[in-house]
N, C-alpha and C. Protein backbone atom coordinates (compact mmCIF):
# COMPACT_ATOMS: atom_id res chain seq x y z
N MET A 1 127.96 173.90 53.77
CA MET A 1 128.59 174.19 55.27
C MET A 1 127.82 175.31 56.02
N ALA A 2 127.66 175.02 57.47
CA ALA A 2 126.91 176.03 58.18
C ALA A 2 127.53 177.29 58.16
N SER A 3 126.59 178.16 58.36
CA SER A 3 126.98 179.79 58.36
C SER A 3 127.05 180.11 59.69
N LYS A 4 126.37 179.47 60.68
CA LYS A 4 126.18 179.80 61.94
C LYS A 4 126.76 178.64 63.10
N LYS A 5 127.11 179.16 64.07
CA LYS A 5 127.35 177.98 65.13
C LYS A 5 126.67 178.40 66.39
N VAL A 6 125.94 177.48 66.81
CA VAL A 6 125.18 177.59 68.00
C VAL A 6 125.62 176.65 68.99
N VAL A 7 125.83 177.22 70.23
CA VAL A 7 126.28 176.44 71.38
C VAL A 7 125.23 176.32 72.33
N VAL A 8 124.67 174.87 72.83
CA VAL A 8 123.80 174.98 73.71
C VAL A 8 124.29 174.31 74.94
N ALA A 9 124.05 175.17 75.96
CA ALA A 9 124.69 174.92 77.38
C ALA A 9 123.33 174.32 78.13
N GLY A 10 123.81 173.05 78.77
CA GLY A 10 122.69 172.47 79.50
C GLY A 10 121.85 171.50 78.63
N ALA A 11 122.23 170.92 77.57
CA ALA A 11 121.64 170.24 76.41
C ALA A 11 120.65 169.03 76.92
N THR A 12 120.76 168.64 78.22
CA THR A 12 119.97 167.58 78.58
C THR A 12 118.71 168.07 79.54
N GLY A 13 118.84 169.39 79.68
CA GLY A 13 117.71 169.98 80.30
C GLY A 13 116.52 170.29 79.51
N LEU A 14 115.52 170.78 80.22
CA LEU A 14 114.14 170.90 79.48
C LEU A 14 114.37 171.89 78.29
N VAL A 15 114.82 173.19 78.75
CA VAL A 15 115.02 174.19 77.67
C VAL A 15 116.08 173.87 76.79
N GLY A 16 117.46 173.50 77.42
CA GLY A 16 118.40 173.09 76.53
C GLY A 16 118.11 172.00 75.32
N ASN A 17 117.39 171.30 75.84
CA ASN A 17 117.06 169.95 74.77
C ASN A 17 116.18 170.51 73.98
N ALA A 18 115.10 171.26 74.16
CA ALA A 18 114.41 171.94 73.15
C ALA A 18 115.09 172.80 72.02
N ALA A 19 116.17 173.59 72.60
CA ALA A 19 116.77 174.32 71.84
C ALA A 19 117.85 173.39 70.99
N LEU A 20 118.47 172.30 71.51
CA LEU A 20 118.96 171.31 70.76
C LEU A 20 118.28 170.79 69.64
N ARG A 21 117.08 170.50 69.76
CA ARG A 21 116.15 169.94 68.80
C ARG A 21 116.02 170.92 67.90
N HIS A 22 115.41 171.96 68.14
CA HIS A 22 115.36 173.00 67.27
C HIS A 22 116.55 173.56 66.39
N PHE A 23 117.80 173.69 66.86
CA PHE A 23 118.73 174.12 66.07
C PHE A 23 119.31 172.97 65.36
N GLY A 24 119.17 171.96 66.02
CA GLY A 24 119.72 170.64 65.47
C GLY A 24 119.33 170.25 64.32
N THR A 25 118.09 170.54 64.06
CA THR A 25 117.21 170.10 62.63
C THR A 25 117.57 171.07 61.61
N SER A 26 118.21 172.19 61.90
CA SER A 26 118.05 173.41 60.92
C SER A 26 119.83 173.13 60.18
N ALA A 27 119.66 172.88 59.03
CA ALA A 27 120.93 172.73 58.08
C ALA A 27 121.68 174.12 58.16
N ALA A 28 121.20 175.06 58.51
CA ALA A 28 121.99 176.41 58.64
C ALA A 28 122.83 176.66 59.53
N CYS A 29 122.82 175.52 60.62
CA CYS A 29 123.48 175.65 61.99
C CYS A 29 124.33 174.58 62.28
N GLU A 30 125.62 175.01 62.72
CA GLU A 30 126.37 174.03 63.11
C GLU A 30 126.13 173.94 64.63
N VAL A 31 125.60 172.78 65.28
CA VAL A 31 125.25 173.04 66.70
C VAL A 31 126.56 172.11 67.63
N VAL A 32 126.84 172.69 68.82
CA VAL A 32 127.54 172.11 69.69
C VAL A 32 126.69 172.03 71.04
N ALA A 33 126.56 170.70 71.63
CA ALA A 33 125.78 170.63 72.68
C ALA A 33 126.69 170.33 73.99
N LEU A 34 126.65 171.26 74.90
CA LEU A 34 127.31 171.22 76.27
C LEU A 34 126.49 170.57 77.29
N SER A 35 127.02 169.48 77.90
CA SER A 35 126.41 168.98 79.10
C SER A 35 127.15 167.83 79.65
N ARG A 36 126.95 167.68 80.81
CA ARG A 36 127.74 166.41 81.80
C ARG A 36 127.79 165.32 81.19
N ARG A 37 126.21 164.81 80.78
CA ARG A 37 125.96 163.66 80.27
C ARG A 37 125.18 164.07 78.71
N LYS A 38 125.42 162.72 77.91
CA LYS A 38 125.26 162.97 76.47
C LYS A 38 123.86 162.84 76.49
N PRO A 39 123.21 163.86 75.51
CA PRO A 39 121.84 163.58 75.41
C PRO A 39 121.53 162.45 74.68
N ARG A 40 120.05 161.87 74.78
CA ARG A 40 119.69 160.70 74.32
C ARG A 40 119.89 160.73 72.61
N ASP A 41 119.40 162.04 72.24
CA ASP A 41 119.45 162.40 70.64
C ASP A 41 120.07 163.62 70.55
N LEU A 42 121.20 163.46 69.66
CA LEU A 42 121.73 164.82 69.54
C LEU A 42 121.34 165.57 68.16
N TYR A 43 120.44 165.01 67.56
CA TYR A 43 119.81 165.80 66.51
C TYR A 43 120.76 166.30 65.51
N GLY A 44 122.04 165.78 65.41
CA GLY A 44 123.03 166.09 64.40
C GLY A 44 124.26 166.87 65.10
N ALA A 45 123.95 167.28 66.48
CA ALA A 45 124.83 168.08 67.14
C ALA A 45 125.90 167.44 67.41
N ARG A 46 127.13 168.11 67.80
CA ARG A 46 128.39 167.41 68.35
C ARG A 46 128.06 167.66 69.82
N HIS A 47 128.45 166.72 70.72
CA HIS A 47 128.51 166.75 71.89
C HIS A 47 129.73 166.91 72.65
N VAL A 48 129.91 167.87 73.72
CA VAL A 48 131.31 168.09 74.43
C VAL A 48 130.75 167.79 75.79
N ALA A 49 131.19 166.74 76.40
CA ALA A 49 130.88 166.46 77.94
C ALA A 49 131.81 167.67 78.78
N ILE A 50 131.07 168.37 79.64
CA ILE A 50 131.66 169.55 80.31
C ILE A 50 130.84 169.83 81.57
N ASP A 51 131.40 170.06 82.71
CA ASP A 51 130.64 170.56 83.87
C ASP A 51 130.83 171.88 83.91
N LEU A 52 130.01 172.76 83.50
CA LEU A 52 130.54 174.27 83.35
C LEU A 52 130.58 174.94 84.81
N THR A 53 130.08 174.11 86.00
CA THR A 53 130.16 174.55 87.37
C THR A 53 131.71 174.15 88.02
N SER A 54 132.33 173.42 87.41
CA SER A 54 133.74 172.66 87.65
C SER A 54 134.77 173.51 87.08
N GLU A 55 135.89 173.93 87.82
CA GLU A 55 136.94 174.79 87.33
C GLU A 55 138.05 173.67 86.78
N ALA A 56 137.69 172.60 86.99
CA ALA A 56 138.67 171.55 86.63
C ALA A 56 138.27 171.45 84.99
N ASP A 57 136.80 171.55 84.80
CA ASP A 57 136.24 171.10 83.42
C ASP A 57 136.52 172.54 82.68
N CYS A 58 136.18 173.72 83.22
CA CYS A 58 136.26 174.94 82.62
C CYS A 58 137.17 175.71 83.29
N PRO A 59 138.40 175.70 83.29
CA PRO A 59 139.09 176.76 83.97
C PRO A 59 138.95 178.45 83.64
N CYS A 60 138.34 178.49 82.42
CA CYS A 60 138.28 179.97 82.23
C CYS A 60 137.09 180.80 82.78
N ARG A 61 136.39 179.89 83.96
CA ARG A 61 135.37 180.42 84.92
C ARG A 61 135.55 181.83 85.41
N GLY A 62 136.78 181.74 86.17
CA GLY A 62 136.93 182.99 87.05
C GLY A 62 137.83 184.10 86.31
N ARG A 63 137.10 185.08 86.27
CA ARG A 63 137.61 186.35 85.95
C ARG A 63 139.03 186.99 86.78
N ALA A 64 138.62 186.36 88.15
CA ALA A 64 139.56 186.82 89.05
C ALA A 64 140.99 186.33 88.99
N ALA A 65 140.90 185.11 88.15
CA ALA A 65 142.32 184.50 88.13
C ALA A 65 142.91 185.10 86.64
N GLY A 66 142.33 186.02 86.20
CA GLY A 66 142.86 186.71 85.05
C GLY A 66 142.54 186.12 83.67
N ARG A 67 141.74 185.10 83.92
CA ARG A 67 141.14 184.51 82.37
C ARG A 67 139.63 185.01 82.15
N HIS A 68 139.63 185.14 80.90
CA HIS A 68 138.22 185.56 80.40
C HIS A 68 137.57 184.36 79.39
N PRO A 69 136.25 184.37 79.53
CA PRO A 69 135.64 183.39 78.60
C PRO A 69 135.81 183.73 77.08
N PRO A 70 135.48 182.83 76.29
CA PRO A 70 135.71 183.19 74.97
C PRO A 70 134.50 184.00 74.43
N ASP A 71 135.05 184.90 73.45
CA ASP A 71 133.84 185.75 72.76
C ASP A 71 132.64 184.95 72.36
N LEU A 72 131.59 185.17 72.90
CA LEU A 72 130.13 184.74 72.48
C LEU A 72 129.27 185.73 72.10
N ARG A 73 128.73 185.60 71.27
CA ARG A 73 127.70 186.82 70.37
C ARG A 73 126.35 186.64 71.20
N ARG A 74 126.01 185.30 71.26
CA ARG A 74 124.47 185.06 71.87
C ARG A 74 124.63 183.87 72.75
N ALA A 75 124.17 183.67 73.98
CA ALA A 75 123.98 182.45 74.72
C ALA A 75 122.61 182.12 75.01
N LEU A 76 122.42 180.98 74.89
CA LEU A 76 121.06 180.49 75.09
C LEU A 76 120.98 179.83 76.67
């Protein structure tokens, strides 16, 4: 079992896809890929289809609404 979890936002973009490839090929990490469209190659990651700019997809976006994002230790 992986000891660390890595969440890659924008997994179909240039930097996000490189991060997905890097961490996805590492057995030490569980990788979750966030993007609107599924990447061509997930490199072993799990894909979550989400638009982070859409409040319908991500209702925790606004702190003004009294909602807070989940606790993340590192963001790529």
